[in-house]
mmCIF file of all heavy atoms, coordinates in Angstrom:
data_MODEL
# 
_entry.id   MODEL 
# 
loop_
_atom_site.group_PDB 
_atom_site.id 
_atom_site.type_symbol 
_atom_site.label_atom_id 
_atom_site.label_alt_id 
_atom_site.label_comp_id 
_atom_site.label_asym_id 
_atom_site.label_entity_id 
_atom_site.label_seq_id 
_atom_site.pdbx_PDB_ins_code 
_atom_site.Cartn_x 
_atom_site.Cartn_y 
_atom_site.Cartn_z 
_atom_site.occupancy 
_atom_site.B_iso_or_equiv 
_atom_site.pdbx_formal_charge 
_atom_site.auth_seq_id 
_atom_site.auth_comp_id 
_atom_site.auth_asym_id 
_atom_site.auth_atom_id 
_atom_site.pdbx_PDB_model_num 
ATOM 1   N N   . LEU A 1 1  ? 110.977 53.161 79.572  1.00 0.00 ? 1  LEU A N   1 
ATOM 2   C CA  . LEU A 1 1  ? 111.492 54.073 80.594  1.00 0.00 ? 1  LEU A CA  1 
ATOM 3   C C   . LEU A 1 1  ? 110.455 55.126 80.974  1.00 0.00 ? 1  LEU A C   1 
ATOM 4   O O   . LEU A 1 1  ? 110.283 55.449 82.152  1.00 0.00 ? 1  LEU A O   1 
ATOM 5   C CB  . LEU A 1 1  ? 112.780 54.747 80.095  1.00 0.00 ? 1  LEU A CB  1 
ATOM 6   C CG  . LEU A 1 1  ? 114.013 53.844 79.979  1.00 0.00 ? 1  LEU A CG  1 
ATOM 7   C CD1 . LEU A 1 1  ? 115.183 54.610 79.375  1.00 0.00 ? 1  LEU A CD1 1 
ATOM 8   C CD2 . LEU A 1 1  ? 114.395 53.286 81.346  1.00 0.00 ? 1  LEU A CD2 1 
ATOM 9   N N   . TYR A 1 2  ? 109.762 55.654 79.970  1.00 0.00 ? 2  TYR A N   1 
ATOM 10  C CA  . TYR A 1 2  ? 108.762 56.689 80.271  1.00 0.00 ? 2  TYR A CA  1 
ATOM 11  C C   . TYR A 1 2  ? 107.594 56.105 81.056  1.00 0.00 ? 2  TYR A C   1 
ATOM 12  O O   . TYR A 1 2  ? 107.106 56.720 82.009  1.00 0.00 ? 2  TYR A O   1 
ATOM 13  C CB  . TYR A 1 2  ? 108.253 57.339 78.985  1.00 0.00 ? 2  TYR A CB  1 
ATOM 14  C CG  . TYR A 1 2  ? 107.314 58.494 79.255  1.00 0.00 ? 2  TYR A CG  1 
ATOM 15  C CD1 . TYR A 1 2  ? 107.794 59.691 79.746  1.00 0.00 ? 2  TYR A CD1 1 
ATOM 16  C CD2 . TYR A 1 2  ? 105.943 58.362 79.047  1.00 0.00 ? 2  TYR A CD2 1 
ATOM 17  C CE1 . TYR A 1 2  ? 106.936 60.743 80.034  1.00 0.00 ? 2  TYR A CE1 1 
ATOM 18  C CE2 . TYR A 1 2  ? 105.076 59.409 79.329  1.00 0.00 ? 2  TYR A CE2 1 
ATOM 19  C CZ  . TYR A 1 2  ? 105.576 60.592 79.808  1.00 0.00 ? 2  TYR A CZ  1 
ATOM 20  O OH  . TYR A 1 2  ? 104.729 61.631 80.090  1.00 0.00 ? 2  TYR A OH  1 
ATOM 21  N N   . ALA A 1 3  ? 107.140 54.920 80.662  1.00 0.00 ? 3  ALA A N   1 
ATOM 22  C CA  . ALA A 1 3  ? 106.039 54.277 81.387  1.00 0.00 ? 3  ALA A CA  1 
ATOM 23  C C   . ALA A 1 3  ? 106.446 53.990 82.830  1.00 0.00 ? 3  ALA A C   1 
ATOM 24  O O   . ALA A 1 3  ? 105.645 54.187 83.766  1.00 0.00 ? 3  ALA A O   1 
ATOM 25  C CB  . ALA A 1 3  ? 105.638 52.984 80.682  1.00 0.00 ? 3  ALA A CB  1 
ATOM 26  N N   . PHE A 1 4  ? 107.684 53.557 83.033  1.00 0.00 ? 4  PHE A N   1 
ATOM 27  C CA  . PHE A 1 4  ? 108.170 53.293 84.388  1.00 0.00 ? 4  PHE A CA  1 
ATOM 28  C C   . PHE A 1 4  ? 108.239 54.575 85.204  1.00 0.00 ? 4  PHE A C   1 
ATOM 29  O O   . PHE A 1 4  ? 107.862 54.599 86.382  1.00 0.00 ? 4  PHE A O   1 
ATOM 30  C CB  . PHE A 1 4  ? 109.552 52.630 84.326  1.00 0.00 ? 4  PHE A CB  1 
ATOM 31  C CG  . PHE A 1 4  ? 110.159 52.354 85.671  1.00 0.00 ? 4  PHE A CG  1 
ATOM 32  C CD1 . PHE A 1 4  ? 109.692 51.303 86.447  1.00 0.00 ? 4  PHE A CD1 1 
ATOM 33  C CD2 . PHE A 1 4  ? 111.183 53.149 86.172  1.00 0.00 ? 4  PHE A CD2 1 
ATOM 34  C CE1 . PHE A 1 4  ? 110.240 51.043 87.702  1.00 0.00 ? 4  PHE A CE1 1 
ATOM 35  C CE2 . PHE A 1 4  ? 111.731 52.911 87.417  1.00 0.00 ? 4  PHE A CE2 1 
ATOM 36  C CZ  . PHE A 1 4  ? 111.265 51.852 88.183  1.00 0.00 ? 4  PHE A CZ  1 
ATOM 37  N N   . ALA A 1 5  ? 108.705 55.668 84.581  1.00 0.00 ? 5  ALA A N   1 
ATOM 38  C CA  . ALA A 1 5  ? 108.812 56.942 85.290  1.00 0.00 ? 5  ALA A CA  1 
ATOM 39  C C   . ALA A 1 5  ? 107.440 57.464 85.710  1.00 0.00 ? 5  ALA A C   1 
ATOM 40  O O   . ALA A 1 5  ? 107.265 57.942 86.834  1.00 0.00 ? 5  ALA A O   1 
ATOM 41  C CB  . ALA A 1 5  ? 109.522 57.970 84.407  1.00 0.00 ? 5  ALA A CB  1 
ATOM 42  N N   . VAL A 1 6  ? 106.457 57.356 84.816  1.00 0.00 ? 6  VAL A N   1 
ATOM 43  C CA  . VAL A 1 6  ? 105.100 57.819 85.143  1.00 0.00 ? 6  VAL A CA  1 
ATOM 44  C C   . VAL A 1 6  ? 104.504 56.964 86.255  1.00 0.00 ? 6  VAL A C   1 
ATOM 45  O O   . VAL A 1 6  ? 103.899 57.486 87.209  1.00 0.00 ? 6  VAL A O   1 
ATOM 46  C CB  . VAL A 1 6  ? 104.202 57.792 83.892  1.00 0.00 ? 6  VAL A CB  1 
ATOM 47  C CG1 . VAL A 1 6  ? 102.749 58.045 84.269  1.00 0.00 ? 6  VAL A CG1 1 
ATOM 48  C CG2 . VAL A 1 6  ? 104.663 58.832 82.887  1.00 0.00 ? 6  VAL A CG2 1 
ATOM 49  N N   . ALA A 1 7  ? 104.665 55.646 86.150  1.00 0.00 ? 7  ALA A N   1 
ATOM 50  C CA  . ALA A 1 7  ? 104.135 54.745 87.176  1.00 0.00 ? 7  ALA A CA  1 
ATOM 51  C C   . ALA A 1 7  ? 104.788 55.019 88.528  1.00 0.00 ? 7  ALA A C   1 
ATOM 52  O O   . ALA A 1 7  ? 104.120 55.013 89.574  1.00 0.00 ? 7  ALA A O   1 
ATOM 53  C CB  . ALA A 1 7  ? 104.357 53.292 86.767  1.00 0.00 ? 7  ALA A CB  1 
ATOM 54  N N   . LEU A 1 8  ? 106.096 55.298 88.517  1.00 0.00 ? 8  LEU A N   1 
ATOM 55  C CA  . LEU A 1 8  ? 106.810 55.585 89.756  1.00 0.00 ? 8  LEU A CA  1 
ATOM 56  C C   . LEU A 1 8  ? 106.327 56.900 90.362  1.00 0.00 ? 8  LEU A C   1 
ATOM 57  O O   . LEU A 1 8  ? 106.087 56.995 91.569  1.00 0.00 ? 8  LEU A O   1 
ATOM 58  C CB  . LEU A 1 8  ? 108.313 55.653 89.475  1.00 0.00 ? 8  LEU A CB  1 
ATOM 59  C CG  . LEU A 1 8  ? 109.243 55.705 90.689  1.00 0.00 ? 8  LEU A CG  1 
ATOM 60  C CD1 . LEU A 1 8  ? 109.174 54.379 91.450  1.00 0.00 ? 8  LEU A CD1 1 
ATOM 61  C CD2 . LEU A 1 8  ? 110.680 55.973 90.244  1.00 0.00 ? 8  LEU A CD2 1 
ATOM 62  N N   . PHE A 1 9  ? 106.164 57.916 89.504  1.00 0.00 ? 9  PHE A N   1 
ATOM 63  C CA  . PHE A 1 9  ? 105.721 59.228 89.983  1.00 0.00 ? 9  PHE A CA  1 
ATOM 64  C C   . PHE A 1 9  ? 104.329 59.145 90.586  1.00 0.00 ? 9  PHE A C   1 
ATOM 65  O O   . PHE A 1 9  ? 104.074 59.653 91.688  1.00 0.00 ? 9  PHE A O   1 
ATOM 66  C CB  . PHE A 1 9  ? 105.740 60.235 88.832  1.00 0.00 ? 9  PHE A CB  1 
ATOM 67  C CG  . PHE A 1 9  ? 105.239 61.601 89.216  1.00 0.00 ? 9  PHE A CG  1 
ATOM 68  C CD1 . PHE A 1 9  ? 106.061 62.482 89.900  1.00 0.00 ? 9  PHE A CD1 1 
ATOM 69  C CD2 . PHE A 1 9  ? 103.948 61.995 88.904  1.00 0.00 ? 9  PHE A CD2 1 
ATOM 70  C CE1 . PHE A 1 9  ? 105.608 63.741 90.269  1.00 0.00 ? 9  PHE A CE1 1 
ATOM 71  C CE2 . PHE A 1 9  ? 103.479 63.248 89.255  1.00 0.00 ? 9  PHE A CE2 1 
ATOM 72  C CZ  . PHE A 1 9  ? 104.311 64.129 89.940  1.00 0.00 ? 9  PHE A CZ  1 
ATOM 73  N N   . LEU A 1 10 ? 103.400 58.493 89.876  1.00 0.00 ? 10 LEU A N   1 
ATOM 74  C CA  . LEU A 1 10 ? 102.023 58.404 90.352  1.00 0.00 ? 10 LEU A CA  1 
ATOM 75  C C   . LEU A 1 10 ? 101.902 57.445 91.530  1.00 0.00 ? 10 LEU A C   1 
ATOM 76  O O   . LEU A 1 10 ? 101.277 57.772 92.545  1.00 0.00 ? 10 LEU A O   1 
ATOM 77  C CB  . LEU A 1 10 ? 101.102 57.952 89.214  1.00 0.00 ? 10 LEU A CB  1 
ATOM 78  C CG  . LEU A 1 10 ? 100.895 58.945 88.071  1.00 0.00 ? 10 LEU A CG  1 
ATOM 79  C CD1 . LEU A 1 10 ? 100.060 58.306 86.964  1.00 0.00 ? 10 LEU A CD1 1 
ATOM 80  C CD2 . LEU A 1 10 ? 100.216 60.220 88.562  1.00 0.00 ? 10 LEU A CD2 1 
ATOM 81  N N   . GLY A 1 11 ? 102.492 56.250 91.364  1.00 0.00 ? 11 GLY A N   1 
ATOM 82  C CA  . GLY A 1 11 ? 102.359 55.242 92.407  1.00 0.00 ? 11 GLY A CA  1 
ATOM 83  C C   . GLY A 1 11 ? 103.035 55.643 93.703  1.00 0.00 ? 11 GLY A C   1 
ATOM 84  O O   . GLY A 1 11 ? 102.403 55.682 94.762  1.00 0.00 ? 11 GLY A O   1 
ATOM 85  N N   . VAL A 1 12 ? 104.316 55.989 93.617  1.00 0.00 ? 12 VAL A N   1 
ATOM 86  C CA  . VAL A 1 12 ? 105.069 56.305 94.830  1.00 0.00 ? 12 VAL A CA  1 
ATOM 87  C C   . VAL A 1 12 ? 104.712 57.696 95.353  1.00 0.00 ? 12 VAL A C   1 
ATOM 88  O O   . VAL A 1 12 ? 104.445 57.878 96.545  1.00 0.00 ? 12 VAL A O   1 
ATOM 89  C CB  . VAL A 1 12 ? 106.588 56.202 94.563  1.00 0.00 ? 12 VAL A CB  1 
ATOM 90  C CG1 . VAL A 1 12 ? 107.377 56.613 95.801  1.00 0.00 ? 12 VAL A CG1 1 
ATOM 91  C CG2 . VAL A 1 12 ? 106.958 54.786 94.146  1.00 0.00 ? 12 VAL A CG2 1 
ATOM 92  N N   . GLY A 1 13 ? 104.685 58.691 94.452  1.00 0.00 ? 13 GLY A N   1 
ATOM 93  C CA  . GLY A 1 13 ? 104.428 60.060 94.886  1.00 0.00 ? 13 GLY A CA  1 
ATOM 94  C C   . GLY A 1 13 ? 103.053 60.232 95.508  1.00 0.00 ? 13 GLY A C   1 
ATOM 95  O O   . GLY A 1 13 ? 102.909 60.777 96.611  1.00 0.00 ? 13 GLY A O   1 
ATOM 96  N N   . ASP A 1 14 ? 102.016 59.771 94.808  1.00 0.00 ? 14 ASP A N   1 
ATOM 97  C CA  . ASP A 1 14 ? 100.652 59.947 95.318  1.00 0.00 ? 14 ASP A CA  1 
ATOM 98  C C   . ASP A 1 14 ? 100.420 59.127 96.585  1.00 0.00 ? 14 ASP A C   1 
ATOM 99  O O   . ASP A 1 14 ? 99.806  59.611 97.543  1.00 0.00 ? 14 ASP A O   1 
ATOM 100 C CB  . ASP A 1 14 ? 99.640  59.553 94.241  1.00 0.00 ? 14 ASP A CB  1 
ATOM 101 C CG  . ASP A 1 14 ? 99.592  60.566 93.113  1.00 0.00 ? 14 ASP A CG  1 
ATOM 102 O OD1 . ASP A 1 14 ? 100.355 61.555 93.159  1.00 0.00 ? 14 ASP A OD1 1 
ATOM 103 O OD2 . ASP A 1 14 ? 98.804  60.372 92.165  1.00 0.00 ? 14 ASP A OD2 1 
ATOM 104 N N   . VAL A 1 15 ? 100.888 57.898 96.595  1.00 0.00 ? 15 VAL A N   1 
ATOM 105 C CA  . VAL A 1 15 ? 100.705 57.052 97.776  1.00 0.00 ? 15 VAL A CA  1 
ATOM 106 C C   . VAL A 1 15 ? 101.453 57.641 98.974  1.00 0.00 ? 15 VAL A C   1 
ATOM 107 O O   . VAL A 1 15 ? 100.953 57.609 100.116 1.00 0.00 ? 15 VAL A O   1 
ATOM 108 C CB  . VAL A 1 15 ? 101.156 55.612 97.494  1.00 0.00 ? 15 VAL A CB  1 
ATOM 109 C CG1 . VAL A 1 15 ? 101.198 54.788 98.776  1.00 0.00 ? 15 VAL A CG1 1 
ATOM 110 C CG2 . VAL A 1 15 ? 100.227 54.950 96.484  1.00 0.00 ? 15 VAL A CG2 1 
ATOM 111 N N   . ALA A 1 16 ? 102.634 58.191 98.735  1.00 0.00 ? 16 ALA A N   1 
ATOM 112 C CA  . ALA A 1 16 ? 103.409 58.797 99.827  1.00 0.00 ? 16 ALA A CA  1 
ATOM 113 C C   . ALA A 1 16 ? 102.660 59.986 100.426 1.00 0.00 ? 16 ALA A C   1 
ATOM 114 O O   . ALA A 1 16 ? 102.609 60.161 101.651 1.00 0.00 ? 16 ALA A O   1 
ATOM 115 C CB  . ALA A 1 16 ? 104.781 59.235 99.318  1.00 0.00 ? 16 ALA A CB  1 
ATOM 116 N N   . PHE A 1 17 ? 102.062 60.824 99.561  1.00 0.00 ? 17 PHE A N   1 
ATOM 117 C CA  . PHE A 1 17 ? 101.313 61.974 100.067 1.00 0.00 ? 17 PHE A CA  1 
ATOM 118 C C   . PHE A 1 17 ? 100.093 61.515 100.858 1.00 0.00 ? 17 PHE A C   1 
ATOM 119 O O   . PHE A 1 17 ? 99.793  62.052 101.927 1.00 0.00 ? 17 PHE A O   1 
ATOM 120 C CB  . PHE A 1 17 ? 100.868 62.878 98.919  1.00 0.00 ? 17 PHE A CB  1 
ATOM 121 C CG  . PHE A 1 17 ? 100.142 64.119 99.368  1.00 0.00 ? 17 PHE A CG  1 
ATOM 122 C CD1 . PHE A 1 17 ? 100.837 65.271 99.683  1.00 0.00 ? 17 PHE A CD1 1 
ATOM 123 C CD2 . PHE A 1 17 ? 98.760  64.117 99.509  1.00 0.00 ? 17 PHE A CD2 1 
ATOM 124 C CE1 . PHE A 1 17 ? 100.172 66.405 100.126 1.00 0.00 ? 17 PHE A CE1 1 
ATOM 125 C CE2 . PHE A 1 17 ? 98.078  65.241 99.944  1.00 0.00 ? 17 PHE A CE2 1 
ATOM 126 C CZ  . PHE A 1 17 ? 98.792  66.396 100.252 1.00 0.00 ? 17 PHE A CZ  1 
ATOM 127 N N   . ILE A 1 18 ? 99.377  60.514 100.332 1.00 0.00 ? 18 ILE A N   1 
ATOM 128 C CA  . ILE A 1 18 ? 98.199  59.995 101.039 1.00 0.00 ? 18 ILE A CA  1 
ATOM 129 C C   . ILE A 1 18 ? 98.609  59.394 102.375 1.00 0.00 ? 18 ILE A C   1 
ATOM 130 O O   . ILE A 1 18 ? 97.953  59.611 103.407 1.00 0.00 ? 18 ILE A O   1 
ATOM 131 C CB  . ILE A 1 18 ? 97.479  58.952 100.161 1.00 0.00 ? 18 ILE A CB  1 
ATOM 132 C CG1 . ILE A 1 18 ? 96.852  59.623 98.937  1.00 0.00 ? 18 ILE A CG1 1 
ATOM 133 C CG2 . ILE A 1 18 ? 96.399  58.227 100.963 1.00 0.00 ? 18 ILE A CG2 1 
ATOM 134 C CD1 . ILE A 1 18 ? 96.290  58.661 97.913  1.00 0.00 ? 18 ILE A CD1 1 
ATOM 135 N N   . ALA A 1 19 ? 99.715  58.643 102.390 1.00 0.00 ? 19 ALA A N   1 
ATOM 136 C CA  . ALA A 1 19 ? 100.190 58.030 103.635 1.00 0.00 ? 19 ALA A CA  1 
ATOM 137 C C   . ALA A 1 19 ? 100.580 59.098 104.647 1.00 0.00 ? 19 ALA A C   1 
ATOM 138 O O   . ALA A 1 19 ? 100.264 58.976 105.847 1.00 0.00 ? 19 ALA A O   1 
ATOM 139 C CB  . ALA A 1 19 ? 101.383 57.120 103.340 1.00 0.00 ? 19 ALA A CB  1 
ATOM 140 N N   . TYR A 1 20 ? 101.236 60.157 104.185 1.00 0.00 ? 20 TYR A N   1 
ATOM 141 C CA  . TYR A 1 20 ? 101.608 61.257 105.099 1.00 0.00 ? 20 TYR A CA  1 
ATOM 142 C C   . TYR A 1 20 ? 100.357 61.915 105.666 1.00 0.00 ? 20 TYR A C   1 
ATOM 143 O O   . TYR A 1 20 ? 100.276 62.188 106.876 1.00 0.00 ? 20 TYR A O   1 
ATOM 144 C CB  . TYR A 1 20 ? 102.452 62.284 104.363 1.00 0.00 ? 20 TYR A CB  1 
ATOM 145 C CG  . TYR A 1 20 ? 102.715 63.531 105.190 1.00 0.00 ? 20 TYR A CG  1 
ATOM 146 C CD1 . TYR A 1 20 ? 103.673 63.537 106.192 1.00 0.00 ? 20 TYR A CD1 1 
ATOM 147 C CD2 . TYR A 1 20 ? 101.959 64.691 104.969 1.00 0.00 ? 20 TYR A CD2 1 
ATOM 148 C CE1 . TYR A 1 20 ? 103.896 64.682 106.965 1.00 0.00 ? 20 TYR A CE1 1 
ATOM 149 C CE2 . TYR A 1 20 ? 102.173 65.827 105.734 1.00 0.00 ? 20 TYR A CE2 1 
ATOM 150 C CZ  . TYR A 1 20 ? 103.135 65.815 106.725 1.00 0.00 ? 20 TYR A CZ  1 
ATOM 151 O OH  . TYR A 1 20 ? 103.355 66.945 107.487 1.00 0.00 ? 20 TYR A OH  1 
ATOM 152 N N   . SER A 1 21 ? 99.370  62.181 104.813 1.00 0.00 ? 21 SER A N   1 
ATOM 153 C CA  . SER A 1 21 ? 98.134  62.822 105.263 1.00 0.00 ? 21 SER A CA  1 
ATOM 154 C C   . SER A 1 21 ? 97.445  61.982 106.333 1.00 0.00 ? 21 SER A C   1 
ATOM 155 O O   . SER A 1 21 ? 97.010  62.494 107.376 1.00 0.00 ? 21 SER A O   1 
ATOM 156 C CB  . SER A 1 21 ? 97.178  63.031 104.080 1.00 0.00 ? 21 SER A CB  1 
ATOM 157 O OG  . SER A 1 21 ? 97.748  63.880 103.116 1.00 0.00 ? 21 SER A OG  1 
ATOM 158 N N   . TYR A 1 22 ? 97.359  60.677 106.088 1.00 0.00 ? 22 TYR A N   1 
ATOM 159 C CA  . TYR A 1 22 ? 96.694  59.826 107.062 1.00 0.00 ? 22 TYR A CA  1 
ATOM 160 C C   . TYR A 1 22 ? 97.535  59.608 108.315 1.00 0.00 ? 22 TYR A C   1 
ATOM 161 O O   . TYR A 1 22 ? 96.990  59.361 109.400 1.00 0.00 ? 22 TYR A O   1 
ATOM 162 C CB  . TYR A 1 22 ? 96.286  58.505 106.417 1.00 0.00 ? 22 TYR A CB  1 
ATOM 163 C CG  . TYR A 1 22 ? 94.921  58.615 105.787 1.00 0.00 ? 22 TYR A CG  1 
ATOM 164 C CD1 . TYR A 1 22 ? 94.777  58.900 104.443 1.00 0.00 ? 22 TYR A CD1 1 
ATOM 165 C CD2 . TYR A 1 22 ? 93.773  58.491 106.559 1.00 0.00 ? 22 TYR A CD2 1 
ATOM 166 C CE1 . TYR A 1 22 ? 93.525  59.044 103.869 1.00 0.00 ? 22 TYR A CE1 1 
ATOM 167 C CE2 . TYR A 1 22 ? 92.518  58.628 106.000 1.00 0.00 ? 22 TYR A CE2 1 
ATOM 168 C CZ  . TYR A 1 22 ? 92.399  58.913 104.657 1.00 0.00 ? 22 TYR A CZ  1 
ATOM 169 O OH  . TYR A 1 22 ? 91.152  59.070 104.111 1.00 0.00 ? 22 TYR A OH  1 
ATOM 170 N N   . GLY A 1 23 ? 98.837  59.722 108.197 1.00 0.00 ? 23 GLY A N   1 
ATOM 171 C CA  . GLY A 1 23 ? 99.677  59.694 109.398 1.00 0.00 ? 23 GLY A CA  1 
ATOM 172 C C   . GLY A 1 23 ? 99.357  60.872 110.312 1.00 0.00 ? 23 GLY A C   1 
ATOM 173 O O   . GLY A 1 23 ? 99.232  60.712 111.541 1.00 0.00 ? 23 GLY A O   1 
ATOM 174 N N   . GLN A 1 24 ? 99.203  62.059 109.704 1.00 0.00 ? 24 GLN A N   1 
ATOM 175 C CA  . GLN A 1 24 ? 98.839  63.238 110.487 1.00 0.00 ? 24 GLN A CA  1 
ATOM 176 C C   . GLN A 1 24 ? 97.420  63.120 111.036 1.00 0.00 ? 24 GLN A C   1 
ATOM 177 O O   . GLN A 1 24 ? 97.136  63.551 112.161 1.00 0.00 ? 24 GLN A O   1 
ATOM 178 C CB  . GLN A 1 24 ? 98.957  64.485 109.608 1.00 0.00 ? 24 GLN A CB  1 
ATOM 179 C CG  . GLN A 1 24 ? 100.363 64.770 109.107 1.00 0.00 ? 24 GLN A CG  1 
ATOM 180 C CD  . GLN A 1 24 ? 101.362 64.952 110.238 1.00 0.00 ? 24 GLN A CD  1 
ATOM 181 O OE1 . GLN A 1 24 ? 101.128 65.728 111.151 1.00 0.00 ? 24 GLN A OE1 1 
ATOM 182 N NE2 . GLN A 1 24 ? 102.451 64.204 110.198 1.00 0.00 ? 24 GLN A NE2 1 
ATOM 183 N N   . ILE A 1 25 ? 96.523  62.548 110.244 1.00 0.00 ? 25 ILE A N   1 
ATOM 184 C CA  . ILE A 1 25 ? 95.137  62.372 110.704 1.00 0.00 ? 25 ILE A CA  1 
ATOM 185 C C   . ILE A 1 25 ? 95.087  61.435 111.906 1.00 0.00 ? 25 ILE A C   1 
ATOM 186 O O   . ILE A 1 25 ? 94.409  61.724 112.910 1.00 0.00 ? 25 ILE A O   1 
ATOM 187 C CB  . ILE A 1 25 ? 94.263  61.830 109.548 1.00 0.00 ? 25 ILE A CB  1 
ATOM 188 C CG1 . ILE A 1 25 ? 94.043  62.919 108.496 1.00 0.00 ? 25 ILE A CG1 1 
ATOM 189 C CG2 . ILE A 1 25 ? 92.931  61.316 110.073 1.00 0.00 ? 25 ILE A CG2 1 
ATOM 190 C CD1 . ILE A 1 25 ? 93.378  62.426 107.230 1.00 0.00 ? 25 ILE A CD1 1 
ATOM 191 N N   . VAL A 1 26 ? 95.803  60.312 111.824 1.00 0.00 ? 26 VAL A N   1 
ATOM 192 C CA  . VAL A 1 26 ? 95.813  59.356 112.933 1.00 0.00 ? 26 VAL A CA  1 
ATOM 193 C C   . VAL A 1 26 ? 96.374  60.002 114.190 1.00 0.00 ? 26 VAL A C   1 
ATOM 194 O O   . VAL A 1 26 ? 95.832  59.830 115.296 1.00 0.00 ? 26 VAL A O   1 
ATOM 195 C CB  . VAL A 1 26 ? 96.631  58.103 112.553 1.00 0.00 ? 26 VAL A CB  1 
ATOM 196 C CG1 . VAL A 1 26 ? 96.884  57.225 113.777 1.00 0.00 ? 26 VAL A CG1 1 
ATOM 197 C CG2 . VAL A 1 26 ? 95.913  57.308 111.475 1.00 0.00 ? 26 VAL A CG2 1 
ATOM 198 N N   . ARG A 1 27 ? 97.451  60.773 114.020 1.00 0.00 ? 27 ARG A N   1 
ATOM 199 C CA  . ARG A 1 27 ? 98.042  61.443 115.181 1.00 0.00 ? 27 ARG A CA  1 
ATOM 200 C C   . ARG A 1 27 ? 97.062  62.430 115.820 1.00 0.00 ? 27 ARG A C   1 
ATOM 201 O O   . ARG A 1 27 ? 96.963  62.525 117.044 1.00 0.00 ? 27 ARG A O   1 
ATOM 202 C CB  . ARG A 1 27 ? 99.319  62.179 114.764 1.00 0.00 ? 27 ARG A CB  1 
ATOM 203 C CG  . ARG A 1 27 ? 100.121 62.715 115.947 1.00 0.00 ? 27 ARG A CG  1 
ATOM 204 C CD  . ARG A 1 27 ? 101.457 63.229 115.517 1.00 0.00 ? 27 ARG A CD  1 
ATOM 205 N NE  . ARG A 1 27 ? 101.338 64.462 114.735 1.00 0.00 ? 27 ARG A NE  1 
ATOM 206 C CZ  . ARG A 1 27 ? 102.384 65.195 114.349 1.00 0.00 ? 27 ARG A CZ  1 
ATOM 207 N NH1 . ARG A 1 27 ? 103.621 64.775 114.631 1.00 0.00 ? 27 ARG A NH1 1 
ATOM 208 N NH2 . ARG A 1 27 ? 102.204 66.294 113.661 1.00 0.00 ? 27 ARG A NH2 1 
# 
């Protein structure tokens, strides 16, 4: 459970922030 939570936080959270940043950059 802990490994899944860390992977979810890093994978989804970081990728979401990067995707948002590049969405604003593209715009």
